[in-house]
N, C-alpha and C. Protein backbone atom coordinates (compact mmCIF):
# COMPACT_ATOMS: atom_id res chain seq x y z
N MET A 1 -16.47 -31.45 25.85
CA MET A 1 -16.72 -30.49 25.46
C MET A 1 -17.21 -28.63 25.36
N VAL A 2 -16.69 -28.46 23.86
CA VAL A 2 -16.51 -26.79 23.48
C VAL A 2 -18.16 -26.37 22.97
N PRO A 3 -18.69 -25.90 23.85
CA PRO A 3 -20.13 -25.27 23.56
C PRO A 3 -20.61 -25.24 21.72
N ASN A 4 -21.34 -25.06 20.22
CA ASN A 4 -21.45 -24.37 19.94
C ASN A 4 -21.27 -24.50 18.95
N GLY A 5 -19.70 -25.58 18.34
CA GLY A 5 -18.52 -26.16 17.74
C GLY A 5 -17.72 -25.34 18.28
N LEU A 6 -17.12 -24.56 19.22
CA LEU A 6 -16.48 -23.82 19.38
C LEU A 6 -14.53 -24.33 18.97
N ALA A 7 -14.97 -25.31 18.44
CA ALA A 7 -13.33 -25.88 18.85
C ALA A 7 -13.38 -26.51 17.19
N HIS A 8 -14.11 -26.18 16.48
CA HIS A 8 -13.60 -26.84 15.12
C HIS A 8 -13.86 -24.78 14.70
N THR A 9 -14.27 -23.83 15.08
CA THR A 9 -14.03 -23.19 13.93
C THR A 9 -12.53 -22.24 14.50
N GLY A 10 -12.27 -22.89 15.95
CA GLY A 10 -11.81 -21.84 15.78
C GLY A 10 -11.95 -19.79 17.05
N LEU A 11 -12.95 -20.55 17.15
CA LEU A 11 -13.44 -19.10 17.80
C LEU A 11 -12.64 -19.22 19.65
N GLY A 12 -12.43 -18.30 20.44
CA GLY A 12 -12.62 -18.05 21.20
C GLY A 12 -13.83 -17.56 22.32
N ALA A 13 -14.04 -18.22 23.47
CA ALA A 13 -15.02 -18.34 23.92
C ALA A 13 -15.90 -16.58 24.22
N GLY A 14 -17.23 -16.13 23.69
CA GLY A 14 -17.21 -15.05 22.90
C GLY A 14 -16.73 -14.05 22.01
N SER A 15 -16.42 -15.19 20.49
CA SER A 15 -16.43 -14.97 20.25
C SER A 15 -16.88 -14.64 18.90
N ARG A 16 -16.99 -13.84 18.04
CA ARG A 16 -18.71 -14.16 16.75
C ARG A 16 -17.86 -14.29 15.68
N ALA A 17 -17.40 -15.31 14.21
CA ALA A 17 -17.16 -15.13 13.15
C ALA A 17 -18.59 -13.77 12.41
N GLN A 18 -16.95 -13.53 11.82
CA GLN A 18 -17.55 -11.83 10.91
C GLN A 18 -17.22 -12.31 9.06
N ALA A 19 -17.23 -11.73 8.45
CA ALA A 19 -17.78 -12.38 7.04
C ALA A 19 -16.60 -11.15 5.97
N ARG A 20 -15.91 -11.49 5.81
CA ARG A 20 -14.92 -10.94 5.04
C ARG A 20 -15.30 -10.55 3.59
N LEU A 21 -15.33 -9.03 3.33
CA LEU A 21 -15.16 -8.66 1.99
C LEU A 21 -14.40 -8.12 1.22
N TYR A 22 -14.04 -8.64 0.12
CA TYR A 22 -12.87 -7.83 -1.12
C TYR A 22 -13.80 -7.26 -1.86
N ARG A 23 -12.68 -6.21 -2.12
CA ARG A 23 -13.80 -5.16 -3.98
C ARG A 23 -12.63 -5.02 -4.31
N VAL A 24 -12.45 -5.76 -5.90
CA VAL A 24 -10.97 -5.68 -6.12
C VAL A 24 -11.19 -5.29 -7.31
N TRP A 25 -10.82 -4.20 -8.54
CA TRP A 25 -11.39 -4.16 -9.91
C TRP A 25 -9.77 -3.74 -10.68
N ASN A 26 -9.42 -4.62 -11.73
CA ASN A 26 -8.88 -4.71 -12.92
C ASN A 26 -8.59 -2.79 -12.59
N VAL A 27 -7.18 -2.77 -13.39
CA VAL A 27 -6.66 -1.44 -12.95
C VAL A 27 -5.82 -1.85 -14.57
N PRO A 28 -4.69 -0.61 -14.97
CA PRO A 28 -4.05 -0.67 -15.79
C PRO A 28 -2.49 -1.34 -15.61
N GLN A 29 -1.38 -0.73 -16.61
CA GLN A 29 -0.34 -1.91 -15.90
C GLN A 29 0.72 -0.89 -15.04
N ALA A 30 1.71 -1.30 -14.97
CA ALA A 30 2.71 -0.60 -13.89
C ALA A 30 2.36 0.72 -15.14
N ALA A 31 4.04 2.01 -15.04
CA ALA A 31 4.36 2.54 -15.46
C ALA A 31 3.18 3.44 -16.24
N SER A 32 1.82 3.18 -16.40
CA SER A 32 1.35 3.51 -17.23
C SER A 32 0.63 5.02 -15.93
N PRO A 33 0.66 6.22 -17.10
CA PRO A 33 0.11 7.46 -16.34
C PRO A 33 -0.91 7.52 -14.56
N GLU A 34 -1.25 6.27 -15.10
CA GLU A 34 -2.43 6.23 -13.71
C GLU A 34 -2.12 5.32 -12.66
N GLU A 35 -0.58 4.65 -13.05
CA GLU A 35 0.25 4.48 -11.51
C GLU A 35 -0.29 5.24 -10.07
N ALA A 36 0.16 6.56 -11.06
CA ALA A 36 0.44 7.30 -9.74
C ALA A 36 -0.93 7.60 -8.65
N LEU A 37 -2.23 8.10 -9.48
CA LEU A 37 -3.00 7.79 -8.88
C LEU A 37 -3.01 6.74 -8.30
N LEU A 38 -3.44 6.12 -8.84
CA LEU A 38 -3.38 4.49 -7.84
C LEU A 38 -3.33 3.80 -6.76
N ASP A 39 -1.20 4.66 -6.93
CA ASP A 39 -0.39 4.94 -5.25
C ASP A 39 -1.04 5.87 -4.67
N LEU A 40 -0.95 6.60 -5.03
CA LEU A 40 -2.01 7.90 -3.97
C LEU A 40 -3.77 7.09 -3.83
N ALA A 41 -4.22 6.63 -4.11
CA ALA A 41 -5.92 6.60 -3.63
C ALA A 41 -5.20 5.00 -2.49
N ARG A 42 -3.76 4.31 -3.04
CA ARG A 42 -3.01 3.54 -1.50
C ARG A 42 -3.46 4.55 -0.39
N ARG A 43 -2.16 5.30 -0.64
CA ARG A 43 -1.55 5.25 0.11
C ARG A 43 -2.92 6.60 1.58
N PHE A 44 -3.23 6.54 1.07
CA PHE A 44 -5.52 7.15 1.81
C PHE A 44 -6.18 6.49 1.78
N SER A 45 -5.84 4.86 1.37
CA SER A 45 -6.43 4.24 1.97
C SER A 45 -6.24 3.46 3.30
N ALA A 46 -4.46 3.35 3.81
CA ALA A 46 -3.81 2.64 4.49
C ALA A 46 -3.76 2.62 6.09
N GLY A 47 -3.99 2.73 6.80
CA GLY A 47 -3.81 2.67 8.09
C GLY A 47 -5.34 3.01 9.26
N LYS A 48 -4.89 2.95 9.86
CA LYS A 48 -6.00 3.58 11.28
C LYS A 48 -5.86 4.87 11.63
N THR A 49 -4.57 5.88 9.85
CA THR A 49 -5.74 7.21 10.23
C THR A 49 -6.35 8.08 8.60
N SER A 50 -6.46 7.02 8.40
CA SER A 50 -6.46 7.34 6.65
C SER A 50 -8.80 7.28 6.34
N ARG A 51 -8.54 7.48 5.73
CA ARG A 51 -10.47 8.35 6.03
C ARG A 51 -11.24 6.54 5.48
N LEU A 52 -10.91 6.28 4.38
CA LEU A 52 -11.83 4.76 5.15
C LEU A 52 -11.94 4.26 6.38
N TYR A 53 -10.61 4.21 7.29
CA TYR A 53 -10.82 3.80 8.74
C TYR A 53 -11.29 3.79 9.59
N LYS A 54 -11.35 5.42 9.54
CA LYS A 54 -11.95 6.27 10.04
C LYS A 54 -13.34 6.62 9.85
N ARG A 55 -14.34 6.24 8.40
CA ARG A 55 -15.24 6.05 7.99
C ARG A 55 -15.91 4.01 8.82
N LEU A 56 -14.96 3.10 8.32
CA LEU A 56 -15.62 2.16 8.07
C LEU A 56 -15.85 1.15 10.01
N VAL A 57 -14.73 1.82 10.42
CA VAL A 57 -14.19 1.66 11.48
C VAL A 57 -15.43 1.84 12.66
N TYR A 58 -14.34 3.56 12.61
CA TYR A 58 -14.83 4.83 13.89
C TYR A 58 -16.50 5.12 12.86
N LYS A 59 -16.89 5.81 12.82
CA LYS A 59 -18.06 7.10 12.30
C LYS A 59 -19.25 5.47 12.55
N ASP A 60 -18.81 4.92 11.05
CA ASP A 60 -20.43 3.56 10.98
C ASP A 60 -20.45 2.74 11.24
N GLN A 61 -19.48 2.62 12.22
CA GLN A 61 -18.78 1.13 12.83
C GLN A 61 -19.30 0.22 12.05
N THR A 62 -19.57 -0.50 10.53
CA THR A 62 -19.42 -1.48 9.52
C THR A 62 -18.62 -2.35 9.56
N ALA A 63 -17.49 -2.37 10.20
CA ALA A 63 -15.74 -2.58 9.88
C ALA A 63 -15.78 -3.45 10.76
N THR A 64 -14.72 -4.09 11.81
CA THR A 64 -13.44 -4.17 12.33
C THR A 64 -12.32 -3.24 12.09
N SER A 65 -11.92 -3.88 10.42
CA SER A 65 -10.72 -3.36 10.30
C SER A 65 -11.17 -2.97 8.59
N ALA A 66 -10.38 -1.85 8.26
CA ALA A 66 -10.33 -1.96 6.88
C ALA A 66 -8.89 -1.31 5.78
N THR A 67 -8.64 -1.53 4.74
CA THR A 67 -7.44 -1.02 4.08
C THR A 67 -7.74 -1.04 2.93
N ALA A 68 -6.29 -0.88 1.68
CA ALA A 68 -6.57 -1.06 0.63
C ALA A 68 -4.69 -1.18 -0.03
N THR A 69 -5.32 -1.85 -0.89
CA THR A 69 -3.57 -2.20 -2.07
C THR A 69 -3.59 -2.11 -3.14
N GLU A 70 -2.65 -1.74 -3.40
CA GLU A 70 -2.83 -2.27 -5.23
C GLU A 70 -1.70 -3.23 -6.25
N THR A 71 -1.65 -2.85 -7.02
CA THR A 71 -0.60 -4.16 -7.40
C THR A 71 -0.86 -4.36 -8.99
N ASN A 72 0.61 -3.69 -9.05
CA ASN A 72 0.89 -3.22 -11.47
C ASN A 72 1.91 -4.05 -11.25
N ASN A 73 1.39 -4.75 -12.12
CA ASN A 73 2.24 -5.70 -12.92
C ASN A 73 2.75 -5.87 -14.69
N GLU A 74 3.70 -5.91 -15.49
CA GLU A 74 3.38 -5.95 -16.28
C GLU A 74 3.23 -5.14 -17.72
N ILE A 75 1.44 -6.67 -17.64
CA ILE A 75 -0.45 -6.48 -18.44
C ILE A 75 -0.61 -5.34 -17.77
N ALA A 76 -1.53 -6.18 -15.93
CA ALA A 76 -2.38 -5.45 -16.09
C ALA A 76 -1.96 -5.41 -14.42
N GLY A 77 -3.14 -4.88 -13.40
CA GLY A 77 -2.65 -4.36 -12.44
C GLY A 77 -3.34 -4.74 -11.34
N SER A 78 -3.89 -4.83 -9.92
CA SER A 78 -5.50 -4.53 -9.47
C SER A 78 -5.12 -3.27 -8.65
N PHE A 79 -6.20 -2.94 -7.43
CA PHE A 79 -7.28 -2.55 -6.13
C PHE A 79 -7.47 -3.09 -5.55
N ILE A 80 -7.42 -3.60 -4.49
CA ILE A 80 -8.55 -4.37 -3.51
C ILE A 80 -7.85 -3.04 -2.89
N SER A 81 -9.68 -3.71 -1.67
CA SER A 81 -9.72 -3.11 -0.89
C SER A 81 -10.49 -4.14 -0.17
N LEU A 82 -10.36 -4.18 1.35
CA LEU A 82 -10.70 -5.57 1.99
C LEU A 82 -11.04 -4.45 2.98
């Protein structure tokens, strides 16, 4: 028998479940003038050396990971922060 129902959650002993926060913004379609700026924002928000990661994970210690991505389609797109 596994204490605290850990067998049902897939968590190992000593692990804690964490909430996941997604923020999504609707953005203009592909080939719009804003697309280059969104791509730049995504590049600055990706990886462990990004300002977003350093702020939330290292400085504030409010997250265990942080990243952002964007998708641009013919009609509309989205900018997602995880």
